[in-house]
Amino acid sequence: MYALVDCNSFYASCEKLFRPDLKHAAVVVLSNNDGCVIARSSEAKKLGIPMGAPYFKVREECVAKQIKVFSSNYALYQDLSNRVMATLEEYAPEVDIYSIDEAFLRWFDMPPSHDHRRAAIQIKNTVYRQVGVPVGVGVGPTRTLSKLANHHAKKTGGVCVIDTPELLEHYLRITPVSDIWGIGRKLSIRLEQMNIRSAWELSRAHRPWLKKHLSVVVERTARELAGEVCLVDLDFEESQPKKQIVCSRSFGARVTDFITLRESICFHAARASEKLRKQGSLCAQLSVFYRTGRFNQNEQHISRFGTAKLINPRSDSAGLVDIAAEIAEKLWVPGYRYAKAGVTLTDFCPSGSRQLDLLEPLNPRSGEFDELSKLLDQINGRYGRGALVHGSQGINSGWHMSRDHASPAYTTQISGLPVVG
């Protein structure tokens, strides 16, 4: 049996956790630069705040309806997610983390008398008691069915278990095909045109026909809905190294001077190199871009892009930051109001497997740079990201994104600890 544990309105729940006064209040969380609504509490959903709505369009409505608004606080969300996942590991031999707020639990060789509902309720109550985040738990004989059960758990007190043929048929019949995990909007329209409108009808569809006319993914989904385990070795069980790493961000305010823009480029290069080292890769190509805003018709627009090929593939922060800064300087055109900048790393190879060219120059300090990067990762891993940075990234730079409604870093910074009394 599989159990899918999904945190309810996760970002909004995290914001409420340290604010008892907001326990029953409507809460929304905004994307980077306070752009769009990316999370809503159940109270905010009932008040009609749409997901993905630009904040400037719903600002007055939020004020009128007394909806509490927060800027995204990813450090808080990730830390609370880690605590949830650590709690879940107490209840299953294997926990597959699917996203920041979802995880699959796999139960092997359970006795026939095992009460899955009681176990699901215990998981739900324990996570809330130990972490403070409400969760829903869906249990089924396949991953797809546990996902389907979790969808219905929102209407059945937070827990839904599909462990008998009668329950399986019931939930398959009442589930529209558009609500099935992996069936997107376009695919659901196509299935409905083929008179497949429910999960039950998809589970009974002819497998070879689905594979031939749609895809092997749809065919496997149908088999999973029928109770046949197909998705055992999912990609997220052992995440594959990325083939491209992009670090970019819109500025909190338009940037007109090169020093500020250069600091942002160096920041993104350092962040990208950190991700590169984390997956054990070296890169042989680095690109830099920055551009003005696209939607203001009253100002001039420009977009700049440059690439450097690296003879010696590398992952050290010092080297990649210097290269990115050099590209940015060559691209610089004054007189514009820049809105966004970023760095892209491509052309990867595994660390330690690179073949040297007989004619390429050897850098005698490359080993020192690698050791310095490892030390940088260790310090930031222990004391928090940004504890130690390259000087070229600047300190308290004005380019960082707007976070006018940010909550404190309650669990990751001493200054963010709640004070009582």
Protein backbone atom coordinates (compact mmCIF):
# COMPACT_ATOMS: atom_id res chain seq x y z
CA MET A 1 0.00 0.00 0.00
CA TYR A 2 1.02 3.58 -0.67
CA ALA A 3 0.13 6.64 1.36
CA LEU A 4 0.37 10.14 -0.10
CA VAL A 5 0.73 12.82 2.55
CA ASP A 6 -0.01 16.33 1.29
CA CYS A 7 0.28 19.48 3.42
CA ASN A 8 -2.88 21.60 3.25
CA SER A 9 -2.34 25.09 1.77
CA PHE A 10 1.28 24.62 2.80
CA TYR A 11 2.72 28.11 2.41
CA ALA A 12 -0.31 29.71 4.05
CA SER A 13 -0.21 27.13 6.86
CA CYS A 14 3.46 27.92 7.50
CA GLU A 15 2.65 31.62 7.82
CA LYS A 16 -0.15 30.87 10.28
CA LEU A 17 1.96 28.57 12.42
CA PHE A 18 3.70 31.32 14.39
CA ARG A 19 0.70 33.67 14.33
CA PRO A 20 -2.05 32.25 16.56
CA ASP A 21 -4.08 35.38 15.87
CA LEU A 22 -4.41 34.24 12.24
CA LYS A 23 -5.63 30.72 13.02
CA HIS A 24 -9.04 31.33 11.41
CA ALA A 25 -8.06 34.28 9.22
CA ALA A 26 -7.86 34.41 5.43
CA VAL A 27 -4.22 34.34 4.30
CA VAL A 28 -2.58 34.58 0.88
CA VAL A 29 1.10 34.22 -0.06
CA LEU A 30 2.67 36.06 -3.00
CA SER A 31 5.34 35.02 -5.49
CA ASN A 32 8.74 36.68 -5.93
CA ASN A 33 8.61 40.46 -6.01
CA ASP A 34 5.10 40.24 -4.55
CA GLY A 35 3.83 39.50 -8.03
CA CYS A 36 1.05 36.88 -7.97
CA VAL A 37 -0.98 34.85 -5.49
CA ILE A 38 0.68 31.42 -5.17
CA ALA A 39 -0.99 30.08 -2.01
CA ARG A 40 -4.32 30.63 -0.26
CA SER A 41 -5.72 29.43 3.01
CA SER A 42 -9.12 27.75 2.91
CA GLU A 43 -10.66 30.99 4.21
CA ALA A 44 -9.12 32.98 1.33
CA LYS A 45 -10.40 30.43 -1.18
CA LYS A 46 -13.93 30.83 0.17
CA LEU A 47 -13.64 34.60 -0.26
CA GLY A 48 -12.98 34.09 -3.97
CA ILE A 49 -9.30 35.09 -4.27
CA PRO A 50 -8.14 33.30 -7.45
CA MET A 51 -4.90 31.34 -7.62
CA GLY A 52 -2.27 33.04 -9.78
CA ALA A 53 -3.97 36.42 -9.74
CA PRO A 54 -1.59 39.41 -10.02
CA TYR A 55 -1.51 41.06 -6.62
CA PHE A 56 -2.10 44.57 -7.94
CA LYS A 57 -5.45 43.36 -9.28
CA VAL A 58 -6.65 41.92 -5.96
CA ARG A 59 -4.91 44.31 -3.55
CA GLU A 60 -8.02 46.39 -2.88
CA GLU A 61 -10.15 43.27 -2.49
CA CYS A 62 -7.68 41.86 0.06
CA VAL A 63 -7.85 45.10 2.04
CA ALA A 64 -11.64 45.23 1.89
CA LYS A 65 -12.02 41.60 3.00
CA GLN A 66 -9.27 41.88 5.67
CA ILE A 67 -7.14 39.20 4.05
CA LYS A 68 -3.64 38.94 5.50
CA VAL A 69 -0.99 39.09 2.77
CA PHE A 70 2.55 37.62 3.03
CA SER A 71 5.58 37.74 0.76
CA SER A 72 7.07 34.31 0.05
CA ASN A 73 9.41 33.07 2.79
CA TYR A 74 11.05 30.03 1.21
CA ALA A 75 13.59 29.50 4.00
CA LEU A 76 10.72 29.02 6.46
CA TYR A 77 8.76 26.77 4.10
CA GLN A 78 11.72 24.51 3.37
CA ASP A 79 12.66 24.16 7.02
CA LEU A 80 9.10 23.20 8.02
CA SER A 81 8.95 20.82 5.04
CA ASN A 82 12.10 19.09 6.32
CA ARG A 83 10.44 18.66 9.70
CA VAL A 84 7.33 17.16 8.13
CA MET A 85 9.38 14.69 6.07
CA ALA A 86 11.45 13.70 9.11
CA THR A 87 8.23 12.97 11.00
CA LEU A 88 6.89 10.84 8.14
CA GLU A 89 10.03 8.68 8.18
CA GLU A 90 8.84 7.27 11.51
CA TYR A 91 5.88 5.60 9.79
CA ALA A 92 7.25 3.82 6.72
CA PRO A 93 10.43 2.03 5.62
CA GLU A 94 10.59 4.25 2.53
CA VAL A 95 9.53 7.88 2.07
CA ASP A 96 9.71 9.34 -1.44
CA ILE A 97 9.62 13.13 -1.30
CA TYR A 98 7.59 14.28 -4.30
CA SER A 99 7.60 18.04 -3.68
CA ILE A 100 8.09 20.52 -0.86
CA ASP A 101 4.65 19.64 0.55
CA GLU A 102 4.05 16.06 -0.66
CA ALA A 103 5.57 12.65 -0.01
CA PHE A 104 4.74 9.03 -0.80
CA LEU A 105 5.05 6.43 1.96
CA ARG A 106 5.42 2.78 1.00
CA TRP A 107 4.22 0.01 3.31
CA PHE A 108 5.63 -3.47 2.59
CA ASP A 109 4.41 -6.87 3.80
CA MET A 110 1.75 -5.51 6.10
CA PRO A 111 -0.35 -8.15 7.86
CA PRO A 112 -3.97 -8.57 6.66
CA SER A 113 -5.20 -7.15 9.94
CA HIS A 114 -3.29 -3.89 9.44
CA ASP A 115 -5.68 -0.97 9.80
CA HIS A 116 -4.63 1.52 7.15
CA ARG A 117 -7.21 4.09 8.20
CA ARG A 118 -6.00 4.08 11.77
CA ALA A 119 -2.40 4.43 10.56
CA ALA A 120 -3.37 7.33 8.27
CA ILE A 121 -5.20 9.13 11.08
CA GLN A 122 -2.17 8.63 13.33
CA ILE A 123 0.12 10.15 10.68
CA LYS A 124 -2.21 13.12 10.25
CA ASN A 125 -2.43 13.77 13.99
CA THR A 126 1.29 13.26 14.66
CA VAL A 127 2.43 15.69 11.95
CA TYR A 128 0.05 18.33 13.26
CA ARG A 129 1.12 17.75 16.86
CA GLN A 130 4.88 17.72 16.20
CA VAL A 131 5.15 20.29 13.40
CA GLY A 132 1.88 22.24 13.49
CA VAL A 133 1.09 21.86 9.78
CA PRO A 134 -2.25 20.24 8.78
CA VAL A 135 -2.00 17.42 6.25
CA GLY A 136 -4.27 15.16 4.25
CA VAL A 137 -3.52 11.46 3.82
CA GLY A 138 -4.66 9.29 0.92
CA VAL A 139 -4.00 5.54 0.93
CA GLY A 140 -4.25 3.14 -2.01
CA PRO A 141 -2.59 0.08 -3.58
CA THR A 142 -0.76 2.21 -6.20
CA ARG A 143 0.75 5.66 -6.28
CA THR A 144 -1.96 6.93 -8.64
CA LEU A 145 -4.71 5.59 -6.40
CA SER A 146 -3.10 7.08 -3.28
CA LYS A 147 -3.01 10.42 -5.12
CA LEU A 148 -6.69 9.99 -6.04
CA ALA A 149 -7.51 9.09 -2.43
CA ASN A 150 -5.69 12.19 -1.23
CA HIS A 151 -7.82 14.28 -3.58
CA HIS A 152 -10.96 12.94 -1.88
CA ALA A 153 -9.43 13.23 1.61
CA LYS A 154 -10.18 16.95 1.52
CA LYS A 155 -13.89 16.05 1.66
CA THR A 156 -13.63 13.19 4.16
CA GLY A 157 -11.95 14.78 7.17
CA GLY A 158 -8.41 14.68 5.89
CA VAL A 159 -8.12 10.91 5.45
CA CYS A 160 -9.26 8.64 2.62
CA VAL A 161 -8.38 4.97 2.25
CA ILE A 162 -9.01 2.78 -0.80
CA ASP A 163 -8.39 -0.76 0.38
CA THR A 164 -11.37 -2.79 -0.88
CA PRO A 165 -12.75 -3.49 -4.40
CA GLU A 166 -15.99 -1.76 -3.43
CA LEU A 167 -14.23 1.45 -2.34
CA LEU A 168 -12.02 1.33 -5.42
CA GLU A 169 -15.00 1.25 -7.78
CA HIS A 170 -16.83 3.92 -5.81
CA TYR A 171 -14.02 6.47 -5.94
CA LEU A 172 -13.14 5.71 -9.55
CA ARG A 173 -16.74 6.30 -10.62
CA ILE A 174 -17.06 9.67 -8.84
CA THR A 175 -13.68 11.03 -10.00
CA PRO A 176 -13.66 13.04 -13.26
CA VAL A 177 -10.84 12.10 -15.61
CA SER A 178 -9.52 15.66 -15.33
CA ASP A 179 -8.78 15.09 -11.61
CA ILE A 180 -6.46 12.13 -12.21
CA TRP A 181 -2.76 12.57 -11.44
CA GLY A 182 -0.86 13.09 -14.69
CA ILE A 183 -3.91 13.86 -16.84
CA GLY A 184 -3.63 17.50 -17.84
CA ARG A 185 -6.32 19.82 -19.19
CA LYS A 186 -5.65 19.16 -22.87
CA LEU A 187 -5.44 15.40 -22.39
CA SER A 188 -8.64 15.32 -20.34
CA ILE A 189 -10.48 17.14 -23.15
CA ARG A 190 -9.22 14.58 -25.64
CA LEU A 191 -10.26 11.68 -23.39
CA GLU A 192 -13.72 13.16 -22.90
CA GLN A 193 -14.07 13.39 -26.67
CA MET A 194 -13.41 9.64 -26.67
CA ASN A 195 -16.23 9.14 -24.12
CA ILE A 196 -13.76 8.55 -21.27
CA ARG A 197 -15.07 10.94 -18.66
CA SER A 198 -14.31 9.25 -15.34
CA ALA A 199 -11.41 7.46 -13.68
CA TRP A 200 -13.53 4.29 -13.81
CA GLU A 201 -13.90 4.47 -17.60
CA LEU A 202 -10.16 5.10 -18.02
CA SER A 203 -9.31 2.12 -15.80
CA ARG A 204 -11.51 -0.12 -18.01
CA ALA A 205 -10.21 1.22 -21.34
CA HIS A 206 -8.36 -1.07 -23.74
CA ARG A 207 -4.66 -0.85 -22.80
CA PRO A 208 -3.07 -1.35 -26.26
CA TRP A 209 -5.45 1.24 -27.71
CA LEU A 210 -4.45 3.81 -25.06
CA LYS A 211 -0.77 3.16 -25.69
CA LYS A 212 -1.13 3.43 -29.47
CA HIS A 213 -3.41 6.45 -29.71
CA LEU A 214 -2.34 8.43 -26.62
CA SER A 215 0.87 7.46 -24.84
CA VAL A 216 2.50 4.85 -22.65
CA VAL A 217 2.03 7.24 -19.70
CA VAL A 218 -1.77 7.17 -20.10
CA GLU A 219 -1.67 3.40 -20.49
CA ARG A 220 0.29 3.04 -17.25
CA THR A 221 -2.07 5.43 -15.49
CA ALA A 222 -5.01 3.25 -16.52
CA ARG A 223 -3.28 0.16 -15.16
CA GLU A 224 -2.49 1.96 -11.89
CA LEU A 225 -6.14 2.98 -11.56
CA ALA A 226 -7.08 -0.67 -11.93
CA GLY A 227 -4.79 -1.54 -9.02
CA GLU A 228 -1.71 -2.72 -10.95
CA VAL A 229 1.56 -1.22 -9.67
CA CYS A 230 3.47 0.32 -12.58
CA LEU A 231 5.17 3.37 -11.08
CA VAL A 232 7.71 1.76 -8.80
CA ASP A 233 10.96 3.32 -10.01
CA LEU A 234 9.88 6.90 -10.50
CA ASP A 235 12.39 9.53 -11.53
CA PHE A 236 12.07 11.31 -8.21
CA GLU A 237 13.29 8.25 -6.36
CA GLU A 238 16.75 9.00 -7.67
CA SER A 239 16.69 12.48 -9.20
CA GLN A 240 18.63 12.76 -12.42
CA PRO A 241 21.28 15.49 -12.74
CA LYS A 242 20.00 18.55 -14.54
CA LYS A 243 21.34 19.36 -17.99
CA GLN A 244 20.91 23.09 -17.46
CA ILE A 245 20.90 25.33 -14.41
CA VAL A 246 19.30 28.77 -14.59
CA CYS A 247 19.41 31.31 -11.76
CA SER A 248 17.56 34.55 -12.44
CA ARG A 249 15.32 37.03 -10.72
CA SER A 250 13.44 40.23 -11.43
CA PHE A 251 14.75 43.26 -9.54
CA GLY A 252 12.73 44.78 -6.72
CA ALA A 253 13.27 48.17 -8.41
CA ARG A 254 14.66 49.07 -11.83
CA VAL A 255 18.47 49.03 -11.97
CA THR A 256 20.29 51.79 -13.84
CA ASP A 257 23.92 51.49 -12.63
CA PHE A 258 26.40 48.78 -13.56
CA ILE A 259 27.70 48.14 -10.02
CA THR A 260 24.26 47.05 -8.81
CA LEU A 261 23.63 44.93 -11.90
CA ARG A 262 27.07 43.33 -11.57
CA GLU A 263 26.31 42.36 -7.96
CA SER A 264 23.12 40.61 -9.07
CA ILE A 265 24.98 38.70 -11.78
CA CYS A 266 27.64 37.59 -9.29
CA PHE A 267 24.93 36.49 -6.86
CA HIS A 268 23.24 34.33 -9.51
CA ALA A 269 26.57 32.85 -10.65
CA ALA A 270 27.43 31.87 -7.07
CA ARG A 271 23.99 30.33 -6.54
CA ALA A 272 24.21 28.40 -9.84
CA SER A 273 27.66 27.06 -8.97
CA GLU A 274 26.32 25.85 -5.62
CA LYS A 275 23.58 23.89 -7.40
CA LEU A 276 26.15 22.55 -9.86
CA ARG A 277 28.37 21.19 -7.08
CA LYS A 278 25.37 19.72 -5.29
CA GLN A 279 24.62 17.44 -8.25
CA GLY A 280 28.32 16.59 -8.74
CA SER A 281 28.82 18.25 -12.13
CA LEU A 282 31.18 20.60 -13.92
CA CYS A 283 30.06 23.07 -16.59
CA ALA A 284 31.81 24.07 -19.81
CA GLN A 285 29.53 26.96 -20.78
CA LEU A 286 28.26 29.98 -18.89
CA SER A 287 25.76 32.54 -20.18
CA VAL A 288 24.66 35.89 -18.78
CA PHE A 289 21.57 37.87 -19.67
CA TYR A 290 19.81 41.00 -18.51
CA ARG A 291 16.96 43.01 -19.95
CA THR A 292 14.60 45.90 -19.39
CA GLY A 293 10.90 45.52 -18.64
CA ARG A 294 8.68 44.25 -21.43
CA PHE A 295 5.38 45.91 -20.68
CA ASN A 296 6.12 49.58 -20.14
CA GLN A 297 5.44 51.29 -23.45
CA ASN A 298 6.88 54.61 -22.23
CA GLU A 299 10.51 53.51 -22.03
CA GLN A 300 13.12 52.00 -24.34
CA HIS A 301 13.64 48.27 -24.35
CA ILE A 302 16.86 46.30 -24.65
CA SER A 303 17.93 42.71 -24.04
CA ARG A 304 21.58 41.66 -23.62
CA PHE A 305 22.95 38.11 -23.80
CA GLY A 306 26.51 36.73 -23.77
CA THR A 307 28.15 33.31 -23.49
CA ALA A 308 31.60 32.04 -22.55
CA LYS A 309 32.98 28.61 -23.47
CA LEU A 310 35.20 27.19 -20.73
CA ILE A 311 38.24 25.21 -21.86
CA ASN A 312 38.48 23.78 -18.36
CA PRO A 313 35.02 22.71 -17.10
CA ARG A 314 34.60 23.85 -13.51
CA SER A 315 32.16 24.30 -10.66
CA ASP A 316 34.02 26.56 -8.24
CA SER A 317 32.21 29.73 -7.25
CA ALA A 318 35.23 32.03 -7.50
CA GLY A 319 35.97 31.16 -11.12
CA LEU A 320 32.37 31.18 -12.34
CA VAL A 321 31.58 34.45 -10.55
CA ASP A 322 34.59 36.15 -12.19
CA ILE A 323 33.62 34.86 -15.64
CA ALA A 324 30.02 35.99 -15.23
CA ALA A 325 31.12 39.46 -14.08
CA GLU A 326 33.43 39.78 -17.08
CA ILE A 327 30.63 38.89 -19.50
CA ALA A 328 28.26 41.33 -17.79
CA GLU A 329 30.76 44.16 -18.17
CA LYS A 330 31.22 43.49 -21.89
CA LEU A 331 27.45 43.54 -22.40
CA TRP A 332 26.77 46.71 -20.41
CA VAL A 333 24.87 49.49 -22.16
CA PRO A 334 24.13 52.55 -19.98
CA GLY A 335 21.01 54.64 -20.12
CA TYR A 336 18.42 51.89 -19.61
CA ARG A 337 16.30 50.77 -16.66
CA TYR A 338 16.99 47.04 -16.31
CA ALA A 339 14.30 44.78 -14.83
CA LYS A 340 15.77 41.27 -14.72
CA ALA A 341 19.12 39.47 -14.86
CA GLY A 342 20.33 35.90 -14.68
CA VAL A 343 23.00 33.28 -15.29
CA THR A 344 22.69 29.97 -17.15
CA LEU A 345 25.10 27.02 -16.86
CA THR A 346 25.14 24.32 -19.55
CA ASP A 347 27.33 21.63 -21.17
CA PHE A 348 27.81 19.51 -18.04
CA CYS A 349 30.08 16.58 -17.28
CA PRO A 350 30.44 14.60 -14.03
CA SER A 351 33.07 15.77 -11.57
CA GLY A 352 36.25 13.71 -11.85
CA SER A 353 35.42 12.26 -15.27
CA ARG A 354 36.63 15.14 -17.46
CA GLN A 355 39.29 14.31 -20.04
CA LEU A 356 42.02 16.96 -20.23
CA ASP A 357 43.13 18.38 -23.57
CA LEU A 358 46.87 18.05 -24.28
CA LEU A 359 47.03 21.73 -25.30
CA GLU A 360 44.84 23.25 -22.61
CA PRO A 361 46.62 25.34 -19.93
CA LEU A 362 46.60 23.94 -16.43
CA ASN A 363 45.57 26.24 -13.61
CA PRO A 364 47.83 25.51 -10.63
CA ARG A 365 45.27 27.09 -8.26
CA SER A 366 42.24 25.13 -9.48
CA GLY A 367 42.52 22.75 -6.55
CA GLU A 368 42.55 25.69 -4.12
CA PHE A 369 39.38 27.11 -5.72
CA ASP A 370 37.65 23.73 -5.39
CA GLU A 371 38.59 23.44 -1.72
CA LEU A 372 37.43 27.01 -1.09
CA SER A 373 34.05 26.21 -2.66
CA LYS A 374 33.67 23.10 -0.50
CA LEU A 375 34.42 25.17 2.59
CA LEU A 376 31.90 27.79 1.45
CA ASP A 377 29.22 25.10 1.08
CA GLN A 378 30.00 23.66 4.51
CA ILE A 379 29.75 27.04 6.26
CA ASN A 380 26.53 28.01 4.51
CA GLY A 381 25.12 24.55 5.14
CA ARG A 382 25.76 24.91 8.84
CA TYR A 383 24.89 28.58 9.41
CA GLY A 384 22.37 29.19 6.63
CA ARG A 385 22.60 30.31 3.01
CA GLY A 386 24.28 33.67 2.70
CA ALA A 387 26.30 33.35 5.91
CA LEU A 388 29.48 33.61 3.80
CA VAL A 389 29.43 35.11 0.31
CA HIS A 390 31.81 36.50 -2.29
CA GLY A 391 32.46 40.20 -1.86
CA SER A 392 31.47 40.86 -5.47
CA GLN A 393 27.89 39.90 -4.58
CA GLY A 394 27.63 43.03 -2.45
CA ILE A 395 26.07 43.53 0.97
CA ASN A 396 22.49 44.76 1.37
CA SER A 397 22.27 45.50 -2.34
CA GLY A 398 19.25 47.37 -3.63
CA TRP A 399 18.55 44.95 -6.49
CA HIS A 400 16.95 42.22 -4.37
CA MET A 401 13.29 41.41 -4.93
CA SER A 402 10.47 43.28 -3.23
CA ARG A 403 9.24 41.60 -0.04
CA ASP A 404 7.04 44.24 1.52
CA HIS A 405 4.96 41.67 3.42
CA ALA A 406 7.73 39.28 4.55
CA SER A 407 7.36 37.35 7.78
CA PRO A 408 10.37 36.70 10.06
CA ALA A 409 12.63 33.69 9.52
CA TYR A 410 11.17 32.08 12.62
CA THR A 411 13.15 28.83 12.48
CA THR A 412 16.39 29.72 10.69
CA GLN A 413 17.57 33.03 12.21
CA ILE A 414 18.00 34.02 15.84
CA SER A 415 16.55 37.45 15.07
CA GLY A 416 13.36 35.79 13.84
CA LEU A 417 12.57 33.94 17.06
CA PRO A 418 9.17 34.93 18.50
CA VAL A 419 9.39 36.95 21.71
CA VAL A 420 6.89 36.31 24.49
CA GLY A 421 6.21 38.77 27.28
